[in-house]
Amino acid sequence: MDEINETLCCCNKYKERVDSEKKDLMNRLKRIEGQVRGIESMLEKDAYCTDILIQVSAVVSALNSFNKVLLGNHVKTCVADNIRAGNDEIIDELVATLQKLMK
C-alpha cells in the first residue's frame, strides 16, 4: 500500500479523515467505479453512441460532485487549521489547486 501512496501522492502531506467523511467519499468513488464499469459493458455490447455519451456525462458529473465535497472538506479543515496556525502559505496552495481544477 505504501508503494501506491508514494506513486499517487504528489507531496508528503497526509490527511487523517474522520470515518464519516472517508465513508462518504469512498461510497461516491465506488458508485463512480460502478458507472465506469457500466460504460465498459455498454461498449462491449455495442450500445448506441449517444447512450454511452450520456453515461459518460453522468460519470463526469459525479466526479465533479466528488471534487466539490472534497474541496469543501479541505477548506473547512486543512486550510482553516493552517491559517489558524499562522501558515498563510496554504492560501497559495489553495489558489494553485483551484487554478488546476478550473482548466
N, C-alpha and C. Protein backbone atom coordinates (compact mmCIF):
# COMPACT_ATOMS: atom_id res chain seq x y z
N MET A 1 0.82 -1.19 0.00
CA MET A 1 0.00 0.00 0.00
C MET A 1 0.86 1.26 0.00
N ASP A 2 2.00 1.22 0.70
CA ASP A 2 2.87 2.39 0.74
C ASP A 2 3.39 2.74 -0.64
N GLU A 3 3.67 1.71 -1.46
CA GLU A 3 4.14 1.98 -2.82
C GLU A 3 3.08 2.71 -3.61
N ILE A 4 1.83 2.33 -3.43
CA ILE A 4 0.73 3.00 -4.12
C ILE A 4 0.65 4.45 -3.66
N ASN A 5 0.72 4.68 -2.35
CA ASN A 5 0.66 6.05 -1.83
C ASN A 5 1.80 6.89 -2.39
N GLU A 6 3.00 6.33 -2.46
CA GLU A 6 4.14 7.08 -2.98
C GLU A 6 3.92 7.42 -4.45
N THR A 7 3.31 6.53 -5.19
CA THR A 7 3.07 6.75 -6.61
C THR A 7 1.98 7.79 -6.82
N LEU A 8 0.92 7.74 -6.04
CA LEU A 8 -0.24 8.60 -6.25
C LEU A 8 -0.10 9.99 -5.62
N CYS A 9 0.64 10.10 -4.54
CA CYS A 9 0.76 11.37 -3.84
C CYS A 9 1.79 12.26 -4.51
N CYS A 10 1.44 13.53 -4.61
CA CYS A 10 2.35 14.48 -5.25
C CYS A 10 3.19 15.22 -4.21
N CYS A 11 2.91 15.00 -2.95
CA CYS A 11 3.68 15.65 -1.89
C CYS A 11 3.71 14.71 -0.68
N ASN A 12 4.36 15.15 0.35
CA ASN A 12 4.49 14.31 1.55
C ASN A 12 3.45 14.62 2.61
N LYS A 13 2.41 15.35 2.26
CA LYS A 13 1.37 15.69 3.22
C LYS A 13 0.30 14.60 3.24
N TYR A 14 -0.27 14.39 4.41
CA TYR A 14 -1.34 13.41 4.55
C TYR A 14 -2.46 14.02 5.38
N LYS A 15 -3.65 13.47 5.23
CA LYS A 15 -4.81 13.96 5.97
C LYS A 15 -5.55 12.78 6.55
N GLU A 16 -5.64 12.74 7.86
CA GLU A 16 -6.46 11.72 8.50
C GLU A 16 -7.89 12.22 8.49
N ARG A 17 -8.78 11.44 7.92
CA ARG A 17 -10.17 11.83 7.80
C ARG A 17 -11.02 11.13 8.85
N VAL A 18 -12.06 11.81 9.31
CA VAL A 18 -13.00 11.15 10.21
C VAL A 18 -13.72 10.07 9.42
N ASP A 19 -14.19 9.07 10.12
CA ASP A 19 -14.81 7.92 9.46
C ASP A 19 -15.96 8.30 8.55
N SER A 20 -16.80 9.24 8.99
CA SER A 20 -17.97 9.61 8.18
C SER A 20 -17.55 10.26 6.87
N GLU A 21 -16.52 11.10 6.91
CA GLU A 21 -16.03 11.75 5.68
C GLU A 21 -15.44 10.70 4.74
N LYS A 22 -14.61 9.83 5.28
CA LYS A 22 -13.98 8.80 4.46
C LYS A 22 -15.02 7.88 3.84
N LYS A 23 -16.03 7.50 4.65
CA LYS A 23 -17.08 6.60 4.17
C LYS A 23 -17.86 7.25 3.03
N ASP A 24 -18.22 8.53 3.20
CA ASP A 24 -18.95 9.25 2.15
C ASP A 24 -18.14 9.31 0.86
N LEU A 25 -16.86 9.68 0.97
CA LEU A 25 -16.02 9.79 -0.23
C LEU A 25 -15.82 8.43 -0.90
N MET A 26 -15.60 7.39 -0.09
CA MET A 26 -15.42 6.05 -0.65
C MET A 26 -16.69 5.56 -1.35
N ASN A 27 -17.85 5.83 -0.75
CA ASN A 27 -19.12 5.43 -1.37
C ASN A 27 -19.30 6.13 -2.72
N ARG A 28 -18.95 7.40 -2.77
CA ARG A 28 -19.05 8.14 -4.03
C ARG A 28 -18.14 7.51 -5.09
N LEU A 29 -16.91 7.20 -4.70
CA LEU A 29 -15.96 6.60 -5.66
C LEU A 29 -16.42 5.22 -6.11
N LYS A 30 -16.96 4.43 -5.21
CA LYS A 30 -17.44 3.10 -5.59
C LYS A 30 -18.61 3.20 -6.57
N ARG A 31 -19.48 4.19 -6.37
CA ARG A 31 -20.58 4.41 -7.31
C ARG A 31 -20.03 4.80 -8.69
N ILE A 32 -19.05 5.68 -8.70
CA ILE A 32 -18.43 6.12 -9.95
C ILE A 32 -17.76 4.94 -10.63
N GLU A 33 -17.07 4.12 -9.85
CA GLU A 33 -16.41 2.93 -10.41
C GLU A 33 -17.45 2.02 -11.06
N GLY A 34 -18.59 1.85 -10.42
CA GLY A 34 -19.66 1.04 -10.99
C GLY A 34 -20.20 1.64 -12.28
N GLN A 35 -20.31 2.96 -12.32
CA GLN A 35 -20.77 3.63 -13.54
C GLN A 35 -19.77 3.40 -14.68
N VAL A 36 -18.49 3.49 -14.37
CA VAL A 36 -17.46 3.29 -15.40
C VAL A 36 -17.52 1.85 -15.91
N ARG A 37 -17.70 0.90 -15.00
CA ARG A 37 -17.84 -0.50 -15.43
C ARG A 37 -19.07 -0.67 -16.32
N GLY A 38 -20.14 0.05 -15.99
CA GLY A 38 -21.34 0.01 -16.82
C GLY A 38 -21.07 0.53 -18.22
N ILE A 39 -20.30 1.58 -18.32
CA ILE A 39 -19.94 2.13 -19.63
C ILE A 39 -19.11 1.12 -20.41
N GLU A 40 -18.17 0.49 -19.73
CA GLU A 40 -17.36 -0.54 -20.37
C GLU A 40 -18.25 -1.66 -20.91
N SER A 41 -19.23 -2.06 -20.13
CA SER A 41 -20.16 -3.11 -20.55
C SER A 41 -20.98 -2.65 -21.75
N MET A 42 -21.42 -1.40 -21.72
CA MET A 42 -22.17 -0.86 -22.85
C MET A 42 -21.34 -0.90 -24.13
N LEU A 43 -20.08 -0.54 -24.00
CA LEU A 43 -19.19 -0.55 -25.16
C LEU A 43 -18.99 -1.97 -25.69
N GLU A 44 -18.80 -2.90 -24.77
CA GLU A 44 -18.63 -4.30 -25.18
C GLU A 44 -19.88 -4.84 -25.87
N LYS A 45 -21.05 -4.32 -25.49
CA LYS A 45 -22.32 -4.78 -26.07
C LYS A 45 -22.75 -3.93 -27.25
N ASP A 46 -21.83 -3.09 -27.74
CA ASP A 46 -22.10 -2.23 -28.91
C ASP A 46 -23.31 -1.33 -28.71
N ALA A 47 -23.41 -0.74 -27.53
CA ALA A 47 -24.51 0.19 -27.26
C ALA A 47 -24.40 1.41 -28.17
N TYR A 48 -25.50 2.06 -28.37
CA TYR A 48 -25.57 3.24 -29.23
C TYR A 48 -24.72 4.37 -28.64
N CYS A 49 -24.07 5.11 -29.51
CA CYS A 49 -23.12 6.16 -29.11
C CYS A 49 -23.70 7.16 -28.11
N THR A 50 -24.89 7.67 -28.41
CA THR A 50 -25.45 8.69 -27.52
C THR A 50 -25.78 8.13 -26.13
N ASP A 51 -26.15 6.86 -26.07
CA ASP A 51 -26.41 6.24 -24.77
C ASP A 51 -25.13 6.20 -23.94
N ILE A 52 -24.03 5.87 -24.58
CA ILE A 52 -22.74 5.84 -23.89
C ILE A 52 -22.33 7.25 -23.48
N LEU A 53 -22.50 8.21 -24.38
CA LEU A 53 -22.13 9.59 -24.08
C LEU A 53 -22.90 10.13 -22.87
N ILE A 54 -24.15 9.78 -22.76
CA ILE A 54 -24.96 10.23 -21.62
C ILE A 54 -24.42 9.64 -20.32
N GLN A 55 -24.03 8.37 -20.37
CA GLN A 55 -23.47 7.74 -19.18
C GLN A 55 -22.10 8.34 -18.82
N VAL A 56 -21.31 8.67 -19.81
CA VAL A 56 -20.01 9.32 -19.56
C VAL A 56 -20.26 10.69 -18.91
N SER A 57 -21.24 11.40 -19.39
CA SER A 57 -21.59 12.68 -18.80
C SER A 57 -21.99 12.53 -17.34
N ALA A 58 -22.70 11.46 -17.01
CA ALA A 58 -23.09 11.20 -15.63
C ALA A 58 -21.87 10.95 -14.75
N VAL A 59 -20.87 10.25 -15.29
CA VAL A 59 -19.64 9.99 -14.55
C VAL A 59 -18.87 11.30 -14.31
N VAL A 60 -18.79 12.12 -15.34
CA VAL A 60 -18.11 13.42 -15.21
C VAL A 60 -18.80 14.25 -14.12
N SER A 61 -20.12 14.26 -14.12
CA SER A 61 -20.88 14.99 -13.13
C SER A 61 -20.63 14.44 -11.72
N ALA A 62 -20.58 13.13 -11.61
CA ALA A 62 -20.32 12.50 -10.31
C ALA A 62 -18.91 12.83 -9.82
N LEU A 63 -17.94 12.84 -10.71
CA LEU A 63 -16.57 13.21 -10.33
C LEU A 63 -16.50 14.67 -9.90
N ASN A 64 -17.21 15.54 -10.60
CA ASN A 64 -17.25 16.95 -10.22
C ASN A 64 -17.88 17.11 -8.83
N SER A 65 -18.92 16.36 -8.56
CA SER A 65 -19.56 16.40 -7.25
C SER A 65 -18.60 15.91 -6.17
N PHE A 66 -17.86 14.84 -6.46
CA PHE A 66 -16.85 14.33 -5.54
C PHE A 66 -15.82 15.41 -5.24
N ASN A 67 -15.35 16.09 -6.28
CA ASN A 67 -14.36 17.16 -6.11
C ASN A 67 -14.91 18.29 -5.24
N LYS A 68 -16.17 18.66 -5.44
CA LYS A 68 -16.77 19.74 -4.65
C LYS A 68 -16.81 19.38 -3.17
N VAL A 69 -17.20 18.15 -2.88
CA VAL A 69 -17.26 17.70 -1.48
C VAL A 69 -15.86 17.68 -0.89
N LEU A 70 -14.90 17.10 -1.61
CA LEU A 70 -13.53 17.01 -1.12
C LEU A 70 -12.93 18.40 -0.93
N LEU A 71 -13.16 19.30 -1.88
CA LEU A 71 -12.64 20.66 -1.76
C LEU A 71 -13.26 21.38 -0.56
N GLY A 72 -14.55 21.23 -0.38
CA GLY A 72 -15.22 21.84 0.77
C GLY A 72 -14.64 21.34 2.08
N ASN A 73 -14.44 20.02 2.17
CA ASN A 73 -13.84 19.44 3.38
C ASN A 73 -12.42 19.98 3.58
N HIS A 74 -11.67 20.10 2.48
CA HIS A 74 -10.29 20.59 2.55
C HIS A 74 -10.25 22.02 3.10
N VAL A 75 -11.11 22.87 2.58
CA VAL A 75 -11.12 24.26 3.03
C VAL A 75 -11.52 24.34 4.51
N LYS A 76 -12.53 23.56 4.90
CA LYS A 76 -13.02 23.61 6.28
C LYS A 76 -12.03 23.04 7.29
N THR A 77 -11.17 22.14 6.85
CA THR A 77 -10.25 21.51 7.79
C THR A 77 -8.80 21.94 7.53
N CYS A 78 -8.21 21.42 6.50
CA CYS A 78 -6.77 21.66 6.23
C CYS A 78 -6.46 23.15 6.11
N VAL A 79 -7.19 23.84 5.28
CA VAL A 79 -6.92 25.26 5.04
C VAL A 79 -7.18 26.06 6.31
N ALA A 80 -8.33 25.87 6.93
CA ALA A 80 -8.68 26.63 8.14
C ALA A 80 -7.68 26.36 9.27
N ASP A 81 -7.31 25.09 9.45
CA ASP A 81 -6.36 24.76 10.52
C ASP A 81 -5.01 25.41 10.27
N ASN A 82 -4.54 25.39 9.03
CA ASN A 82 -3.25 26.00 8.70
C ASN A 82 -3.28 27.51 8.90
N ILE A 83 -4.36 28.15 8.52
CA ILE A 83 -4.47 29.60 8.71
C ILE A 83 -4.47 29.94 10.20
N ARG A 84 -5.24 29.16 10.98
CA ARG A 84 -5.26 29.38 12.44
C ARG A 84 -3.87 29.21 13.05
N ALA A 85 -3.07 28.30 12.46
CA ALA A 85 -1.72 28.04 12.97
C ALA A 85 -0.71 29.06 12.44
N GLY A 86 -1.17 30.00 11.62
CA GLY A 86 -0.29 31.04 11.11
C GLY A 86 0.42 30.69 9.81
N ASN A 87 0.03 29.58 9.18
CA ASN A 87 0.65 29.16 7.93
C ASN A 87 -0.17 29.70 6.76
N ASP A 88 0.16 30.92 6.35
CA ASP A 88 -0.57 31.55 5.25
C ASP A 88 -0.17 30.99 3.88
N GLU A 89 0.89 30.18 3.82
CA GLU A 89 1.29 29.57 2.56
C GLU A 89 0.20 28.65 2.01
N ILE A 90 -0.65 28.17 2.90
CA ILE A 90 -1.75 27.29 2.48
C ILE A 90 -2.67 28.01 1.51
N ILE A 91 -2.75 29.32 1.61
CA ILE A 91 -3.60 30.08 0.69
C ILE A 91 -3.06 30.00 -0.72
N ASP A 92 -1.74 30.12 -0.88
CA ASP A 92 -1.12 29.98 -2.20
C ASP A 92 -1.36 28.58 -2.76
N GLU A 93 -1.27 27.57 -1.88
CA GLU A 93 -1.51 26.19 -2.32
C GLU A 93 -2.96 26.03 -2.78
N LEU A 94 -3.89 26.62 -2.04
CA LEU A 94 -5.31 26.54 -2.41
C LEU A 94 -5.56 27.23 -3.74
N VAL A 95 -4.98 28.40 -3.94
CA VAL A 95 -5.14 29.13 -5.20
C VAL A 95 -4.60 28.30 -6.36
N ALA A 96 -3.43 27.71 -6.18
CA ALA A 96 -2.83 26.87 -7.24
C ALA A 96 -3.71 25.66 -7.54
N THR A 97 -4.28 25.07 -6.51
CA THR A 97 -5.17 23.93 -6.68
C THR A 97 -6.42 24.34 -7.45
N LEU A 98 -7.02 25.46 -7.07
CA LEU A 98 -8.21 25.93 -7.77
C LEU A 98 -7.92 26.24 -9.23
N GLN A 99 -6.75 26.80 -9.51
CA GLN A 99 -6.38 27.08 -10.90
C GLN A 99 -6.27 25.79 -11.71
N LYS A 100 -5.72 24.74 -11.10
CA LYS A 100 -5.61 23.44 -11.79
C LYS A 100 -6.99 22.84 -12.02
N LEU A 101 -7.89 23.00 -11.04
CA LEU A 101 -9.23 22.44 -11.17
C LEU A 101 -10.06 23.16 -12.24
N MET A 102 -9.72 24.42 -12.50
CA MET A 102 -10.53 25.22 -13.43
C MET A 102 -10.01 25.17 -14.85
N LYS A 103 -9.08 24.31 -15.15
CA LYS A 103 -8.56 24.22 -16.53
C LYS A 103 -9.63 23.73 -17.47
